[in-house]
Amino acid sequence: MNGLLFIDDEEGVRRSVARALKKEPYNIYTADNGERGIKFVRENVFDVATVISDYKMPGLNGLETLSSIGSINPEITRIILTGYATMESAIEATNEGIDGFLTKPFDNIELRAKIRDISVRKHLKQFISEEVYKELKNSSGDLKPTFQEVSILFADIRGFTRMSQKVSAEEIASFLNNYYFTPMEEITYQFHGMVDKHIGDSIMVVFGAPVTNSNDAARAVESAIAMQKKAMEIDKKLNQKDSLRLKIGIGIATGKVFSGVLGSLRKKEFTSIGMAVNIASRLQNIAGEGEIIISENTFQNISEQKIAGQIDATPLTPAKVKGIDKPITLYRINF
């Protein structure tokens, strides 16, 4: 996916940009208005990595065009092209989620360098959550460590090690990215969860850091239910003879954790550590195919919010969990 789509109603500008970028590693496409640009992206969604759109055009303006394209594929790098007269509007556009802006007139060297710079910054955002990115912007790049109550969700594919031995590395990567990480993490995003990390085929999601809400536990459980339903839907669509299947187990625990930026001088990450993380990981190991197991703290939390009646949970026999002396009370979510 290395296509670049340039949208401008002036043919001369389209030709000029195409000439400026002809030696760059892009497949260059052009459109003369926003509607045609959106249609092209929709029909070639896996071929377009970057879209540049003029701000002032007949019909849809550049911001409206890029907003629509972002809803089709949020991974596309979206850039506004503007004259100095509309600079203020372009800056406002970047504050609303557009990845960057270019000003015209421009020289070819500046154009190529700016596109590369905006694209790199766009892809760097993929390595941290939207919540952390916003907090970094609001805190001038300094996220202070805190102790706070969160709900931790762990999800894992059942039998993945055995399955992965039967297929190629390319098939494994495609399966994980397209059928597991992308749809599952899109769900957690919708419920305002922060994907903390991937550990092999496990996903760790935090609800409540860096931004705490009163309904973090409920959103974690609701997210888990949506994830299981989506996994079952995907698994049905997979070829029954296929070696790779999508059957997941999920564990959720609620409690106080330390959240902050940890790491060395060369590698840092925003993460959460604490007993709730350990318990959620253990509960994920206990959960069978298609199961969601939650801790007593999580159940009490959703009960206090009067959500327990809307979420059907069955108490289980207390289980011994590594790292805790006494057996703990668990609940299975029914959905």
Protein backbone atom coordinates (compact mmCIF):
# COMPACT_ATOMS: atom_id res chain seq x y z
CA MET A 1 0.00 0.00 0.00
CA ASN A 2 2.12 2.91 -1.28
CA GLY A 3 -0.38 4.87 -3.36
CA LEU A 4 -0.66 8.66 -3.06
CA LEU A 5 -3.91 10.32 -4.15
CA PHE A 6 -3.82 14.04 -4.94
CA ILE A 7 -7.16 15.89 -5.07
CA ASP A 8 -7.36 19.36 -6.61
CA ASP A 9 -9.83 21.01 -8.99
CA GLU A 10 -7.00 22.72 -10.93
CA GLU A 11 -5.49 20.47 -13.60
CA GLY A 12 -2.22 22.45 -13.66
CA VAL A 13 -1.66 21.89 -9.94
CA ARG A 14 -2.40 18.17 -10.30
CA ARG A 15 0.17 17.87 -13.08
CA SER A 16 2.73 19.88 -11.13
CA VAL A 17 2.43 17.67 -8.06
CA ALA A 18 2.55 14.47 -10.14
CA ARG A 19 5.81 15.68 -11.77
CA ALA A 20 7.30 16.66 -8.40
CA LEU A 21 6.65 13.21 -6.95
CA LYS A 22 7.40 11.03 -9.97
CA LYS A 23 10.77 9.90 -8.53
CA GLU A 24 9.27 9.14 -5.12
CA PRO A 25 8.26 5.54 -4.25
CA TYR A 26 4.55 6.25 -4.70
CA ASN A 27 1.95 5.18 -7.18
CA ILE A 28 0.45 8.58 -8.01
CA TYR A 29 -3.32 8.97 -8.52
CA THR A 30 -5.31 12.18 -9.00
CA ALA A 31 -8.91 13.33 -8.69
CA ASP A 32 -10.47 16.68 -9.61
CA ASN A 33 -12.94 16.94 -6.72
CA GLY A 34 -13.72 15.55 -3.29
CA GLU A 35 -16.52 13.25 -4.39
CA ARG A 36 -14.33 11.48 -6.96
CA GLY A 37 -11.48 11.27 -4.47
CA ILE A 38 -13.68 9.58 -1.87
CA LYS A 39 -15.03 7.18 -4.50
CA PHE A 40 -11.48 6.27 -5.59
CA VAL A 41 -10.40 5.53 -2.00
CA ARG A 42 -13.49 3.44 -1.37
CA GLU A 43 -12.78 1.35 -4.48
CA ASN A 44 -9.01 1.12 -3.83
CA VAL A 45 -8.88 1.17 -0.05
CA PHE A 46 -5.84 -1.14 0.22
CA ASP A 47 -3.83 0.73 -2.42
CA VAL A 48 -3.89 4.26 -0.98
CA ALA A 49 -1.54 5.20 1.87
CA THR A 50 -1.60 9.00 1.58
CA VAL A 51 -4.20 11.52 0.40
CA ILE A 52 -3.46 15.21 -0.22
CA SER A 53 -6.46 17.44 -0.84
CA ASP A 54 -6.74 21.11 -1.70
CA TYR A 55 -8.71 22.98 0.96
CA LYS A 56 -10.86 25.19 -1.32
CA MET A 57 -12.71 23.22 -3.99
CA PRO A 58 -16.20 23.33 -5.52
CA GLY A 59 -18.54 20.93 -3.74
CA LEU A 60 -16.89 19.22 -0.77
CA ASN A 61 -13.97 21.18 0.62
CA GLY A 62 -10.70 19.50 1.59
CA LEU A 63 -11.56 19.04 5.26
CA GLU A 64 -14.90 17.41 4.45
CA THR A 65 -13.21 15.20 1.86
CA LEU A 66 -10.42 14.04 4.18
CA SER A 67 -12.84 13.46 7.04
CA SER A 68 -14.87 11.11 4.85
CA ILE A 69 -11.72 9.32 3.69
CA GLY A 70 -10.64 8.88 7.31
CA SER A 71 -13.91 7.11 8.07
CA ILE A 72 -13.19 4.67 5.23
CA ASN A 73 -9.66 3.89 6.42
CA PRO A 74 -8.22 5.72 9.48
CA GLU A 75 -4.70 4.48 8.64
CA ILE A 76 -4.49 6.69 5.55
CA THR A 77 -2.25 9.73 6.02
CA ARG A 78 -4.42 12.80 5.29
CA ILE A 79 -2.86 16.15 4.32
CA ILE A 80 -4.53 19.49 3.56
CA LEU A 81 -3.06 21.69 0.81
CA THR A 82 -3.81 25.36 1.26
CA GLY A 83 -2.81 28.85 0.20
CA TYR A 84 -1.58 31.30 2.81
CA ALA A 85 -4.99 33.02 2.82
CA THR A 86 -6.59 29.92 4.37
CA MET A 87 -3.70 29.02 6.70
CA GLU A 88 -5.84 29.46 9.82
CA SER A 89 -8.39 26.97 8.50
CA ALA A 90 -5.64 24.48 7.69
CA ILE A 91 -4.21 24.69 11.19
CA GLU A 92 -7.70 24.17 12.58
CA ALA A 93 -8.01 21.08 10.37
CA THR A 94 -4.90 19.51 11.91
CA ASN A 95 -6.42 20.08 15.34
CA GLU A 96 -9.45 18.10 14.21
CA GLY A 97 -7.52 14.98 13.26
CA ILE A 98 -6.00 15.78 9.85
CA ASP A 99 -2.36 14.65 9.91
CA GLY A 100 -0.75 17.78 8.48
CA PHE A 101 -0.90 20.59 5.97
CA LEU A 102 1.11 21.94 3.04
CA THR A 103 1.09 25.53 1.79
CA LYS A 104 1.23 26.70 -1.80
CA PRO A 105 3.13 27.87 -3.65
CA PHE A 106 5.70 25.20 -2.78
CA ASP A 107 8.97 23.97 -4.21
CA ASN A 108 9.45 20.32 -5.08
CA ILE A 109 12.09 19.57 -2.44
CA GLU A 110 9.95 21.05 0.32
CA LEU A 111 6.90 19.15 -0.93
CA ARG A 112 8.66 15.77 -0.89
CA ALA A 113 10.26 16.36 2.53
CA LYS A 114 7.04 17.57 4.13
CA ILE A 115 5.03 14.57 2.87
CA ARG A 116 7.64 12.17 4.27
CA ASP A 117 7.71 14.02 7.61
CA ILE A 118 3.92 14.02 8.03
CA SER A 119 3.72 10.35 7.04
CA VAL A 120 6.37 9.34 9.60
CA ARG A 121 4.59 11.25 12.38
CA LYS A 122 1.31 9.60 11.37
CA HIS A 123 2.81 6.14 11.66
CA LEU A 124 4.50 6.91 14.98
CA LYS A 125 1.01 7.49 16.41
CA GLN A 126 0.24 3.83 15.66
CA PHE A 127 2.70 2.79 18.38
CA ILE A 128 0.82 4.60 21.16
CA SER A 129 -2.87 4.87 21.93
CA GLU A 130 -4.95 7.90 21.00
CA GLU A 131 -5.52 8.60 24.72
CA VAL A 132 -1.78 8.63 25.47
CA TYR A 133 -1.11 10.74 22.39
CA LYS A 134 -3.68 13.34 23.49
CA GLU A 135 -2.33 13.38 27.04
CA LEU A 136 1.21 13.86 25.73
CA LYS A 137 0.03 16.83 23.67
CA ASN A 138 -1.88 18.33 26.61
CA SER A 139 0.98 17.80 29.09
CA SER A 140 3.77 19.21 26.90
CA GLY A 141 5.24 15.73 26.44
CA ASP A 142 5.50 14.86 30.14
CA LEU A 143 3.12 12.20 31.50
CA LYS A 144 3.45 12.05 35.26
CA PRO A 145 3.28 8.54 36.85
CA THR A 146 0.15 7.86 38.90
CA PHE A 147 -1.53 5.19 41.02
CA GLN A 148 -5.12 4.77 39.90
CA GLU A 149 -7.88 2.19 39.72
CA VAL A 150 -8.23 0.61 36.32
CA SER A 151 -9.76 -2.45 34.72
CA ILE A 152 -7.33 -4.66 32.81
CA LEU A 153 -8.46 -6.92 29.95
CA PHE A 154 -6.35 -9.74 28.54
CA ALA A 155 -7.40 -11.64 25.41
CA ASP A 156 -5.64 -14.63 23.91
CA ILE A 157 -6.22 -17.06 21.02
CA ARG A 158 -6.79 -20.62 22.17
CA GLY A 159 -4.48 -23.20 20.58
CA PHE A 160 -2.51 -20.59 18.67
CA THR A 161 0.94 -22.16 19.16
CA ARG A 162 -0.27 -25.48 17.75
CA MET A 163 -2.03 -23.79 14.82
CA SER A 164 0.91 -21.56 13.94
CA GLN A 165 3.20 -24.54 13.43
CA LYS A 166 1.14 -25.63 10.42
CA VAL A 167 1.27 -22.46 8.33
CA SER A 168 3.84 -20.01 6.97
CA ALA A 169 5.04 -16.88 8.75
CA GLU A 170 3.25 -14.73 6.16
CA GLU A 171 -0.05 -16.50 6.83
CA ILE A 172 0.36 -16.08 10.59
CA ALA A 173 1.09 -12.35 10.26
CA SER A 174 -1.87 -11.83 7.92
CA PHE A 175 -4.20 -13.81 10.19
CA LEU A 176 -3.18 -11.94 13.34
CA ASN A 177 -3.30 -8.48 11.76
CA ASN A 178 -6.48 -8.84 9.69
CA TYR A 179 -8.63 -11.26 11.69
CA TYR A 180 -7.53 -10.63 15.27
CA PHE A 181 -5.60 -7.49 16.19
CA THR A 182 -7.46 -5.11 13.85
CA PRO A 183 -11.08 -6.10 14.60
CA MET A 184 -10.51 -6.75 18.32
CA GLU A 185 -8.64 -3.52 18.93
CA GLU A 186 -11.14 -1.50 16.93
CA ILE A 187 -13.75 -2.71 19.43
CA THR A 188 -11.63 -1.73 22.44
CA TYR A 189 -11.11 1.69 20.84
CA GLN A 190 -14.88 2.13 20.53
CA PHE A 191 -15.19 1.43 24.28
CA HIS A 192 -12.32 3.86 25.05
CA GLY A 193 -9.85 1.16 26.07
CA MET A 194 -6.11 1.70 25.64
CA VAL A 195 -4.18 -1.16 24.03
CA ASP A 196 -1.16 -1.38 26.31
CA LYS A 197 0.81 -4.08 24.51
CA HIS A 198 0.86 -7.28 22.49
CA ILE A 199 2.51 -10.31 24.06
CA GLY A 200 2.63 -12.87 21.28
CA ASP A 201 -1.03 -13.43 20.44
CA SER A 202 -2.20 -11.86 23.71
CA ILE A 203 -3.67 -8.36 23.84
CA MET A 204 -3.51 -6.29 27.04
CA VAL A 205 -6.02 -3.45 27.22
CA VAL A 206 -6.34 -0.85 30.01
CA PHE A 207 -9.58 0.91 30.85
CA GLY A 208 -8.90 3.90 33.11
CA ALA A 209 -5.38 5.08 32.24
CA PRO A 210 -4.16 7.62 31.48
CA VAL A 211 -7.73 8.99 31.71
CA THR A 212 -9.98 7.61 34.47
CA ASN A 213 -13.77 7.31 34.12
CA SER A 214 -16.41 6.10 36.56
CA ASN A 215 -17.54 3.29 34.26
CA ASP A 216 -14.16 1.78 33.32
CA ALA A 217 -15.06 -1.72 34.58
CA ALA A 218 -18.39 -1.74 32.75
CA ARG A 219 -16.76 -0.64 29.52
CA ALA A 220 -14.13 -3.37 29.88
CA VAL A 221 -16.85 -6.03 30.25
CA GLU A 222 -18.95 -4.61 27.43
CA SER A 223 -15.87 -4.52 25.23
CA ALA A 224 -15.09 -8.16 26.07
CA ILE A 225 -18.62 -9.24 25.12
CA ALA A 226 -18.37 -7.40 21.80
CA MET A 227 -14.94 -8.94 21.17
CA GLN A 228 -16.21 -12.48 21.79
CA LYS A 229 -19.19 -11.97 19.51
CA LYS A 230 -16.94 -10.58 16.79
CA ALA A 231 -14.46 -13.44 17.20
CA MET A 232 -17.26 -15.98 16.83
CA GLU A 233 -18.52 -14.19 13.74
CA ILE A 234 -15.04 -14.21 12.19
CA ASP A 235 -14.45 -17.85 13.13
CA LYS A 236 -17.63 -18.89 11.30
CA LYS A 237 -16.42 -17.15 8.16
CA LEU A 238 -13.05 -18.89 8.22
CA ASN A 239 -12.81 -22.03 6.13
CA GLN A 240 -13.66 -25.01 8.31
CA LYS A 241 -10.65 -26.83 6.87
CA ASP A 242 -8.34 -23.91 7.59
CA SER A 243 -5.62 -24.52 10.16
CA LEU A 244 -6.12 -21.07 11.67
CA ARG A 245 -9.25 -20.52 13.76
CA LEU A 246 -10.28 -17.64 15.99
CA LYS A 247 -11.38 -18.88 19.41
CA ILE A 248 -10.38 -16.56 22.23
CA GLY A 249 -10.46 -16.45 26.01
CA ILE A 250 -10.70 -13.18 27.96
CA GLY A 251 -9.88 -12.27 31.57
CA ILE A 252 -10.68 -8.98 33.32
CA ALA A 253 -9.52 -7.68 36.72
CA THR A 254 -10.01 -4.34 38.47
CA GLY A 255 -7.70 -2.71 41.01
CA LYS A 256 -5.04 -0.11 41.76
CA VAL A 257 -2.04 -0.06 39.44
CA PHE A 258 0.93 2.14 38.67
CA SER A 259 0.59 3.84 35.28
CA GLY A 260 3.39 5.78 33.67
CA VAL A 261 6.23 5.88 31.18
CA LEU A 262 8.74 3.12 31.83
CA GLY A 263 11.81 1.96 29.96
CA SER A 264 15.41 2.69 29.07
CA LEU A 265 17.04 5.63 27.33
CA ARG A 266 16.48 3.87 23.99
CA LYS A 267 13.00 2.35 24.44
CA LYS A 268 10.12 3.65 26.53
CA GLU A 269 6.41 2.92 26.70
CA PHE A 270 3.39 4.06 28.64
CA THR A 271 2.18 1.04 30.59
CA SER A 272 0.42 -0.14 33.75
CA ILE A 273 1.83 -2.57 36.31
CA GLY A 274 0.27 -4.03 39.46
CA MET A 275 -1.70 -6.93 40.90
CA ALA A 276 -4.73 -6.25 38.69
CA VAL A 277 -2.53 -6.83 35.63
CA ASN A 278 -1.29 -10.15 37.04
CA ILE A 279 -4.79 -11.32 37.98
CA ALA A 280 -6.27 -10.41 34.58
CA SER A 281 -3.51 -12.39 32.89
CA ARG A 282 -4.22 -15.42 35.11
CA LEU A 283 -7.97 -15.19 34.48
CA GLN A 284 -7.34 -15.12 30.76
CA ASN A 285 -5.45 -18.42 31.18
CA ILE A 286 -8.42 -19.88 33.07
CA ALA A 287 -10.99 -18.78 30.48
CA GLY A 288 -11.94 -21.37 27.89
CA GLU A 289 -12.88 -20.84 24.26
CA GLY A 290 -15.49 -18.10 24.00
CA GLU A 291 -15.39 -17.36 27.76
CA ILE A 292 -15.02 -14.13 29.73
CA ILE A 293 -13.86 -14.52 33.35
CA ILE A 294 -13.87 -11.47 35.64
CA SER A 295 -12.56 -10.82 39.14
CA GLU A 296 -14.71 -10.11 42.19
CA ASN A 297 -13.57 -6.47 42.19
CA THR A 298 -14.76 -6.07 38.62
CA PHE A 299 -18.14 -7.60 39.46
CA GLN A 300 -18.53 -5.38 42.54
CA ASN A 301 -17.64 -2.34 40.47
CA ILE A 302 -20.31 -2.98 37.84
CA SER A 303 -22.77 -3.84 40.65
CA GLU A 304 -22.18 -0.46 42.30
CA GLN A 305 -22.92 1.21 38.99
CA LYS A 306 -26.19 -0.77 38.83
CA ILE A 307 -25.02 -2.38 35.61
CA ALA A 308 -24.84 -5.92 36.98
CA GLY A 309 -28.51 -6.45 36.12
CA GLN A 310 -27.74 -5.66 32.50
CA ILE A 311 -24.68 -7.96 32.48
CA ASP A 312 -25.43 -11.59 33.29
CA ALA A 313 -22.65 -13.08 35.45
CA THR A 314 -22.42 -16.53 37.06
CA PRO A 315 -20.29 -16.98 40.21
CA LEU A 316 -17.71 -19.74 39.93
CA THR A 317 -15.98 -21.90 42.49
CA PRO A 318 -13.16 -19.85 44.11
CA ALA A 319 -9.92 -20.59 42.30
CA LYS A 320 -6.28 -20.52 43.34
CA VAL A 321 -4.37 -17.94 41.34
CA LYS A 322 -0.59 -17.74 41.19
CA GLY A 323 0.75 -14.91 43.34
CA ILE A 324 -2.26 -14.83 45.73
CA ASP A 325 -2.33 -16.94 48.90
CA LYS A 326 -6.07 -17.55 49.14
CA PRO A 327 -8.48 -18.70 46.41
CA ILE A 328 -10.29 -15.78 44.78
CA THR A 329 -13.93 -15.45 43.76
CA LEU A 330 -14.51 -15.39 40.00
CA TYR A 331 -17.47 -14.77 37.72
CA ARG A 332 -18.23 -15.95 34.20
CA ILE A 333 -19.97 -13.44 31.93
CA ASN A 334 -22.93 -14.91 30.04
CA PHE A 335 -23.85 -13.34 26.72
